[in-house]
Amino acid sequence: MPSDITRSTVQGTPVHLTTVESTTTEVVRHPLYPMLVPFPSVCFVGAFFTDLAYWGTAEMMWADFSAWLLFAGVVLGCLALVAGLVDLGQRRYVVTQAPIWPHVLGNLVALGLAILNCFVHSRDAWTSVVPQGLILSALVLIVVLTSNWIGWSVLVYRRRVVEVRP
């Protein structure tokens, strides 16, 4: 079917099929990684704050929340990692740019620390959070925020890999 065919709807207004095709193409070509990376970041930030809440109150509920948030962050981080590797492989011009590698390595370090933190949080009661779990959550938070800032400033703001629309 040619892309310049115009069909009319029941009301008689013409619908151009090229508009639908171009929108679909834009959605398919949009990188997945920038859409997925905020989810594990939010989980890791939430885990840090629930660790602080557990440290202050010794309420077991907060330690459970931390463990769940860390696990969700690791799972979503692995999905974002796969999407990032696919996006990186499809866009070969990004691979040659040196500033992207601190972002990639930072996210890998954060994911590794978060996996270690999941094992620490699987212990029982007070020892699961204080002091090792809280320190690891703070390290993950610092690495994630730094790495995401680098990724945003290099990939989105300077290189325009993802178009920002108001």
C-alpha atoms as a PDB file:
ATOM      1  CA  MET A   1       0.000   0.000   0.000  1.00  0.00           C
ATOM      2  CA  PRO A   2       1.492   3.384  -0.946  1.00  0.00           C
ATOM      3  CA  SER A   3       2.249   5.722   1.930  1.00  0.00           C
ATOM      4  CA  ASP A   4       0.526   8.732   0.379  1.00  0.00           C
ATOM      5  CA  ILE A   5      -3.008   7.260   0.322  1.00  0.00           C
ATOM      6  CA  THR A   6      -5.643   9.320   2.080  1.00  0.00           C
ATOM      7  CA  ARG A   7      -8.717   7.613   3.501  1.00  0.00           C
ATOM      8  CA  SER A   8     -11.805   9.247   4.874  1.00  0.00           C
ATOM      9  CA  THR A   9     -13.391   8.397   8.190  1.00  0.00           C
ATOM     10  CA  VAL A  10     -17.097   8.171   8.975  1.00  0.00           C
ATOM     11  CA  GLN A  11     -17.267  11.913   9.577  1.00  0.00           C
ATOM     12  CA  GLY A  12     -15.596  12.623   6.237  1.00  0.00           C
ATOM     13  CA  THR A  13     -12.303  14.035   7.547  1.00  0.00           C
ATOM     14  CA  PRO A  14      -9.276  12.753   5.655  1.00  0.00           C
ATOM     15  CA  VAL A  15      -6.676  10.734   7.538  1.00  0.00           C
ATOM     16  CA  HIS A  16      -3.173  10.609   6.068  1.00  0.00           C
ATOM     17  CA  LEU A  17      -1.537   7.246   6.577  1.00  0.00           C
ATOM     18  CA  THR A  18       1.933   8.780   6.369  1.00  0.00           C
ATOM     19  CA  THR A  19       1.401  10.462   9.753  1.00  0.00           C
ATOM     20  CA  VAL A  20       0.718   7.130  11.453  1.00  0.00           C
ATOM     21  CA  GLU A  21       3.643   5.449   9.744  1.00  0.00           C
ATOM     22  CA  SER A  22       6.106   8.194  10.668  1.00  0.00           C
ATOM     23  CA  THR A  23       4.948   8.215  14.313  1.00  0.00           C
ATOM     24  CA  THR A  24       5.362   4.453  14.535  1.00  0.00           C
ATOM     25  CA  THR A  25       8.825   4.707  13.054  1.00  0.00           C
ATOM     26  CA  GLU A  26       9.808   7.378  15.592  1.00  0.00           C
ATOM     27  CA  VAL A  27       8.629   5.217  18.496  1.00  0.00           C
ATOM     28  CA  VAL A  28      10.481   2.146  17.238  1.00  0.00           C
ATOM     29  CA  ARG A  29      13.724   4.071  16.663  1.00  0.00           C
ATOM     30  CA  HIS A  30      13.671   5.775  20.075  1.00  0.00           C
ATOM     31  CA  PRO A  31      16.336   4.295  22.401  1.00  0.00           C
ATOM     32  CA  LEU A  32      14.965   2.184  25.256  1.00  0.00           C
ATOM     33  CA  TYR A  33      17.747   2.809  27.755  1.00  0.00           C
ATOM     34  CA  PRO A  34      16.858   6.440  28.624  1.00  0.00           C
ATOM     35  CA  MET A  35      13.296   5.317  29.290  1.00  0.00           C
ATOM     36  CA  LEU A  36      14.325   2.460  31.627  1.00  0.00           C
ATOM     37  CA  VAL A  37      17.235   3.924  33.605  1.00  0.00           C
ATOM     38  CA  PRO A  38      15.149   6.126  35.964  1.00  0.00           C
ATOM     39  CA  PHE A  39      13.361   3.125  37.504  1.00  0.00           C
ATOM     40  CA  PRO A  40      16.369   1.433  39.156  1.00  0.00           C
ATOM     41  CA  SER A  41      17.709   4.853  40.134  1.00  0.00           C
ATOM     42  CA  VAL A  42      14.518   5.643  42.031  1.00  0.00           C
ATOM     43  CA  CYS A  43      14.579   2.223  43.703  1.00  0.00           C
ATOM     44  CA  PHE A  44      18.159   2.779  44.913  1.00  0.00           C
ATOM     45  CA  VAL A  45      17.353   6.268  46.212  1.00  0.00           C
ATOM     46  CA  GLY A  46      14.298   4.855  47.998  1.00  0.00           C
ATOM     47  CA  ALA A  47      16.392   2.055  49.510  1.00  0.00           C
ATOM     48  CA  PHE A  48      18.801   4.607  50.963  1.00  0.00           C
ATOM     49  CA  PHE A  49      15.976   6.575  52.580  1.00  0.00           C
ATOM     50  CA  THR A  50      14.289   3.445  53.955  1.00  0.00           C
ATOM     51  CA  ASP A  51      17.665   2.408  55.418  1.00  0.00           C
ATOM     52  CA  LEU A  52      17.859   5.798  57.109  1.00  0.00           C
ATOM     53  CA  ALA A  53      14.323   5.315  58.428  1.00  0.00           C
ATOM     54  CA  TYR A  54      15.248   1.881  59.812  1.00  0.00           C
ATOM     55  CA  TRP A  55      18.391   3.278  61.406  1.00  0.00           C
ATOM     56  CA  GLY A  56      16.327   5.959  63.144  1.00  0.00           C
ATOM     57  CA  THR A  57      13.353   3.845  64.230  1.00  0.00           C
ATOM     58  CA  ALA A  58      14.531   0.180  64.314  1.00  0.00           C
ATOM     59  CA  GLU A  59      11.157  -0.730  62.777  1.00  0.00           C
ATOM     60  CA  MET A  60      11.579  -3.983  60.823  1.00  0.00           C
ATOM     61  CA  MET A  61       9.151  -2.756  58.146  1.00  0.00           C
ATOM     62  CA  TRP A  62      11.771  -0.280  56.868  1.00  0.00           C
ATOM     63  CA  ALA A  63      14.415  -3.002  56.518  1.00  0.00           C
ATOM     64  CA  ASP A  64      11.920  -5.073  54.517  1.00  0.00           C
ATOM     65  CA  PHE A  65      11.159  -2.090  52.282  1.00  0.00           C
ATOM     66  CA  SER A  66      14.882  -1.590  51.705  1.00  0.00           C
ATOM     67  CA  ALA A  67      15.368  -5.218  50.704  1.00  0.00           C
ATOM     68  CA  TRP A  68      12.409  -5.093  48.300  1.00  0.00           C
ATOM     69  CA  LEU A  69      13.520  -1.815  46.760  1.00  0.00           C
ATOM     70  CA  LEU A  70      17.056  -3.110  46.290  1.00  0.00           C
ATOM     71  CA  PHE A  71      15.811  -6.303  44.653  1.00  0.00           C
ATOM     72  CA  ALA A  72      13.465  -4.363  42.342  1.00  0.00           C
ATOM     73  CA  GLY A  73      16.294  -1.945  41.521  1.00  0.00           C
ATOM     74  CA  VAL A  74      18.653  -4.805  40.640  1.00  0.00           C
ATOM     75  CA  VAL A  75      16.065  -6.506  38.405  1.00  0.00           C
ATOM     76  CA  LEU A  76      15.161  -3.235  36.666  1.00  0.00           C
ATOM     77  CA  GLY A  77      18.847  -2.316  36.465  1.00  0.00           C
ATOM     78  CA  CYS A  78      19.587  -5.580  34.657  1.00  0.00           C
ATOM     79  CA  LEU A  79      16.771  -4.835  32.197  1.00  0.00           C
ATOM     80  CA  ALA A  80      18.167  -1.330  31.659  1.00  0.00           C
ATOM     81  CA  LEU A  81      21.631  -2.825  31.190  1.00  0.00           C
ATOM     82  CA  VAL A  82      20.387  -5.131  28.437  1.00  0.00           C
ATOM     83  CA  ALA A  83      18.518  -2.255  26.780  1.00  0.00           C
ATOM     84  CA  GLY A  84      21.604  -0.055  27.077  1.00  0.00           C
ATOM     85  CA  LEU A  85      23.805  -2.676  25.464  1.00  0.00           C
ATOM     86  CA  VAL A  86      21.316  -3.079  22.612  1.00  0.00           C
ATOM     87  CA  ASP A  87      21.118   0.700  22.129  1.00  0.00           C
ATOM     88  CA  LEU A  88      24.900   0.966  22.316  1.00  0.00           C
ATOM     89  CA  GLY A  89      25.302  -1.752  19.711  1.00  0.00           C
ATOM     90  CA  GLN A  90      22.776  -0.207  17.329  1.00  0.00           C
ATOM     91  CA  ARG A  91      24.250   3.283  17.511  1.00  0.00           C
ATOM     92  CA  ARG A  92      27.883   2.765  16.577  1.00  0.00           C
ATOM     93  CA  TYR A  93      28.604   6.501  16.572  1.00  0.00           C
ATOM     94  CA  VAL A  94      28.059   6.544  20.339  1.00  0.00           C
ATOM     95  CA  VAL A  95      30.678   3.844  20.970  1.00  0.00           C
ATOM     96  CA  THR A  96      33.508   5.973  19.637  1.00  0.00           C
ATOM     97  CA  GLN A  97      32.757   8.880  21.955  1.00  0.00           C
ATOM     98  CA  ALA A  98      34.986   8.624  25.012  1.00  0.00           C
ATOM     99  CA  PRO A  99      32.691  10.432  27.507  1.00  0.00           C
ATOM    100  CA  ILE A 100      30.112   7.626  27.422  1.00  0.00           C
ATOM    101  CA  TRP A 101      32.383   5.081  29.135  1.00  0.00           C
ATOM    102  CA  PRO A 102      32.363   6.712  32.618  1.00  0.00           C
ATOM    103  CA  HIS A 103      28.560   6.502  32.516  1.00  0.00           C
ATOM    104  CA  VAL A 104      28.586   2.835  31.481  1.00  0.00           C
ATOM    105  CA  LEU A 105      31.224   1.854  34.052  1.00  0.00           C
ATOM    106  CA  GLY A 106      29.505   3.875  36.782  1.00  0.00           C
ATOM    107  CA  ASN A 107      26.227   2.080  36.201  1.00  0.00           C
ATOM    108  CA  LEU A 108      27.983  -1.299  36.212  1.00  0.00           C
ATOM    109  CA  VAL A 109      29.695  -0.442  39.516  1.00  0.00           C
ATOM    110  CA  ALA A 110      26.373   0.720  40.988  1.00  0.00           C
ATOM    111  CA  LEU A 111      24.666  -2.488  39.871  1.00  0.00           C
ATOM    112  CA  GLY A 112      27.454  -4.594  41.397  1.00  0.00           C
ATOM    113  CA  LEU A 113      27.278  -2.683  44.683  1.00  0.00           C
ATOM    114  CA  ALA A 114      23.488  -3.036  44.708  1.00  0.00           C
ATOM    115  CA  ILE A 115      23.754  -6.815  44.234  1.00  0.00           C
ATOM    116  CA  LEU A 116      26.203  -6.961  47.137  1.00  0.00           C
ATOM    117  CA  ASN A 117      23.811  -4.779  49.144  1.00  0.00           C
ATOM    118  CA  CYS A 118      20.980  -7.243  48.404  1.00  0.00           C
ATOM    119  CA  PHE A 119      23.044  -9.996  50.008  1.00  0.00           C
ATOM    120  CA  VAL A 120      23.807  -7.801  53.017  1.00  0.00           C
ATOM    121  CA  HIS A 121      20.114  -6.943  53.398  1.00  0.00           C
ATOM    122  CA  SER A 122      19.167 -10.628  53.320  1.00  0.00           C
ATOM    123  CA  ARG A 123      20.688 -11.039  56.787  1.00  0.00           C
ATOM    124  CA  ASP A 124      18.592 -10.827  59.899  1.00  0.00           C
ATOM    125  CA  ALA A 125      17.333  -7.669  61.625  1.00  0.00           C
ATOM    126  CA  TRP A 126      19.713  -4.910  62.792  1.00  0.00           C
ATOM    127  CA  THR A 127      22.839  -6.352  61.145  1.00  0.00           C
ATOM    128  CA  SER A 128      21.175  -6.246  57.721  1.00  0.00           C
ATOM    129  CA  VAL A 129      21.148  -2.453  57.662  1.00  0.00           C
ATOM    130  CA  VAL A 130      23.450  -0.982  60.284  1.00  0.00           C
ATOM    131  CA  PRO A 131      26.240  -0.194  59.417  1.00  0.00           C
ATOM    132  CA  GLN A 132      27.137  -2.155  56.246  1.00  0.00           C
ATOM    133  CA  GLY A 133      23.759  -1.928  54.489  1.00  0.00           C
ATOM    134  CA  LEU A 134      23.505   1.799  55.126  1.00  0.00           C
ATOM    135  CA  ILE A 135      27.057   2.428  53.888  1.00  0.00           C
ATOM    136  CA  LEU A 136      26.468   0.346  50.746  1.00  0.00           C
ATOM    137  CA  SER A 137      23.164   2.139  50.084  1.00  0.00           C
ATOM    138  CA  ALA A 138      24.938   5.499  50.386  1.00  0.00           C
ATOM    139  CA  LEU A 139      27.685   4.353  48.001  1.00  0.00           C
ATOM    140  CA  VAL A 140      25.127   3.088  45.479  1.00  0.00           C
ATOM    141  CA  LEU A 141      23.257   6.381  45.744  1.00  0.00           C
ATOM    142  CA  ILE A 142      26.404   8.452  45.137  1.00  0.00           C
ATOM    143  CA  VAL A 143      27.539   6.303  42.197  1.00  0.00           C
ATOM    144  CA  VAL A 144      24.065   6.229  40.594  1.00  0.00           C
ATOM    145  CA  LEU A 145      23.512   9.960  40.872  1.00  0.00           C
ATOM    146  CA  THR A 146      27.010  10.760  39.572  1.00  0.00           C
ATOM    147  CA  SER A 147      26.760   8.283  36.711  1.00  0.00           C
ATOM    148  CA  ASN A 148      23.306   9.464  35.689  1.00  0.00           C
ATOM    149  CA  TRP A 149      24.434  13.080  35.796  1.00  0.00           C
ATOM    150  CA  ILE A 150      27.342  12.188  33.505  1.00  0.00           C
ATOM    151  CA  GLY A 151      25.003  10.288  31.195  1.00  0.00           C
ATOM    152  CA  TRP A 152      22.519  13.121  31.052  1.00  0.00           C
ATOM    153  CA  SER A 153      25.093  15.842  30.489  1.00  0.00           C
ATOM    154  CA  VAL A 154      27.092  13.941  27.871  1.00  0.00           C
ATOM    155  CA  LEU A 155      24.510  11.914  25.980  1.00  0.00           C
ATOM    156  CA  VAL A 156      21.400  14.027  26.143  1.00  0.00           C
ATOM    157  CA  TYR A 157      22.482  17.603  26.701  1.00  0.00           C
ATOM    158  CA  ARG A 158      25.711  17.773  24.671  1.00  0.00           C
ATOM    159  CA  ARG A 159      25.438  14.972  22.093  1.00  0.00           C
ATOM    160  CA  ARG A 160      21.656  15.045  21.580  1.00  0.00           C
ATOM    161  CA  VAL A 161      21.410  11.246  21.427  1.00  0.00           C
ATOM    162  CA  VAL A 162      17.864  11.579  22.754  1.00  0.00           C
ATOM    163  CA  GLU A 163      15.843  14.555  21.640  1.00  0.00           C
ATOM    164  CA  VAL A 164      14.399  16.522  24.545  1.00  0.00           C
ATOM    165  CA  ARG A 165      10.998  17.994  23.779  1.00  0.00           C
ATOM    166  CA  PRO A 166       9.265  20.477  26.057  1.00  0.00           C
END
